Amino acid sequence: MTASVNPDRSEWDVIVLGGAAAGENAAQYAGQFSGLTTVLVEDDLLGGECSYWACMPSKALLRPVEVVDAAEHLPGVSARLDPVDVLVRRDTVINHLDDGSQVDWALHTGIDVVRGYGRLDGERTVVVSGRDGTRRRLTARHAVVIDTGSCPAVPDLPGLRGALPWTSRDVTNLREVPRRVVVVGGGVVACEAATWLRGLGTAEVSVVERGPRLLSRQEPFAGELVAEALRTAGVRLFLEHGLSQVKRSDPRDTGRGHIHGGEVSVTLDDGTVLVADELVVATGRTPNTDDIGLETVGLSPGGYLPVDDHQAVRGAAGSWLYAIGDVCGRALLTHMGKYQARIAGEVIAARAGGSGELPSAAAGHYGLPQVVFTSPEVGSAGLTERQAREAGIEVETAEYDLAALAGTYVMRADYRGRAKLVVDRGADVVVGATFVGAGIAELVHSATTAIVGRVPLSTLWHVVPSYPTASEIWLRLLETLRAQRHAAASG
């Protein structure tokens, strides 16, 4: 049967509630080798947050900033950034907010698409409300997969919501570059947004973070190096500060990415007043689970959906309900959501076919790779030292200055960076790795491989890095571990 948009049918083997990147993968993997019929139910753009309002537009904005930054630190090379052209290319990257190509991919893959807002209405049943007022009842023979994602959280602070601040969707889809911006938050979105806003020409960028450092979930040196670079670029950091009040003159809903009214006055908890043309709130995300019919299947609305290692929702009897991506709260990263989707899809197909072998998502979450595309980049996999110690692991660590490598020296003369391995001494395997520096993003996959594969350090010693590249850091870290162990044995 040929796949179609809004097909005249009511039953499929698998219904995916939400058509973001993870949902697309779940439908694909459930049906590609099993013959199961699948459908995506989506009221917004197919492809979801990553394609239009997060990963893709943010990297389209950050890449030009990175290139200019690299040129400024390499004698004999110069580069300039044209904000208008950067925004034009950003729009090309996100297909001008048109999901036609995503729909074409789904149909070509054999996945049906139903437009409308879907809600559960009992076991294996989804009711879809169309924008034209129509309602359709869909039934799944085998499974329903929830991929409704998350939305930016805006704290309930005096005057904040009434000021109509920008969220991540606005700052990635900005249509004009504000002259002065206050960014609230110190996580990935906040640090990346501060990087591209300053790079695009925002004259005054201020970052307000309640905690003592940026990127608090990373190794401490990661946030310190990013903070140093932001300060060097002219960004003002207000760490260990909260907001006590926000006021805005003439707040107006002018549309996503446009300045939402008049001047903004932000009062910090120590009385400091920051004045800006726009305010960006990047203080976390909330799962979209409060209006998807969870109560009709005995689950509580709101909050993350707990899942097992097959991505099946705990508390839903019968192994028919699955959750993937941000909505399950395991790791709010697109690549991890897509990984969960692949596992869920294969599990659904296996169960439908009566197979006893069920894939597990446990190993993939053990590796947990992530890259923060600031300048410098922050790449990590596995556990931080603190997390490893809290897990009861016999921890051993090694750190090394990335600037001491020939591969980074030829990249830029004043390279700044650091790397760290966290080792399970008892098992003699790497359980965590962090890299901070220009061009380190591609180092993360090798770390993920070592962690997920539990490759012994004695084997890693024979994985020879190319010269001169940043991958030489692996050799230097292993040498550092050897030297530390020799010193301990000799002492």
Foldseek 3Di string as FASTA:
>chain_A
DFAEEADPDFEFQEEEQAQAPLSLLLQLLQPQPQPGAYEYEEAFARRPCCLAQPVQLLVLLLVVLLVQVLQVQAPPGHDADDLVVSLVVSCVSSVVRHRPVVCVVCRVSRYYYYHAHWADQAPQWIWGQHPVGDIGIHGHNFAYEYEQFWAADDDPAACRVVLVAAESRQLSNAPDQWQEEEEEAQELSRLSSLQSSLSSPNNEYEYEHLAQFHRVQAPVVQRVVSVVVSVVSPYHYHYNKDWRYKDFDQAACPDRNYQGHGKMWTAIPVGDIDITSGYYYHHDIWAPFQPRHPVNQPDHGGDAFAAFQLQFGPPRPDSRYGYFEPRNPLANDVVRRNVSSSQNSNQSSCVVVVHPDHDGNVLVSLFDWDWRSHAWIKIKTAHDQVVCVVVVAPWDKFKDWLLPAPAVCNSGVPWGWMKMFIARVVLQFTRMIMITTHPCHVVSVVSSCRNSVRPHLVVLCPVDDDPPHSNCVSVVRSVRVVVVVVVVVVD
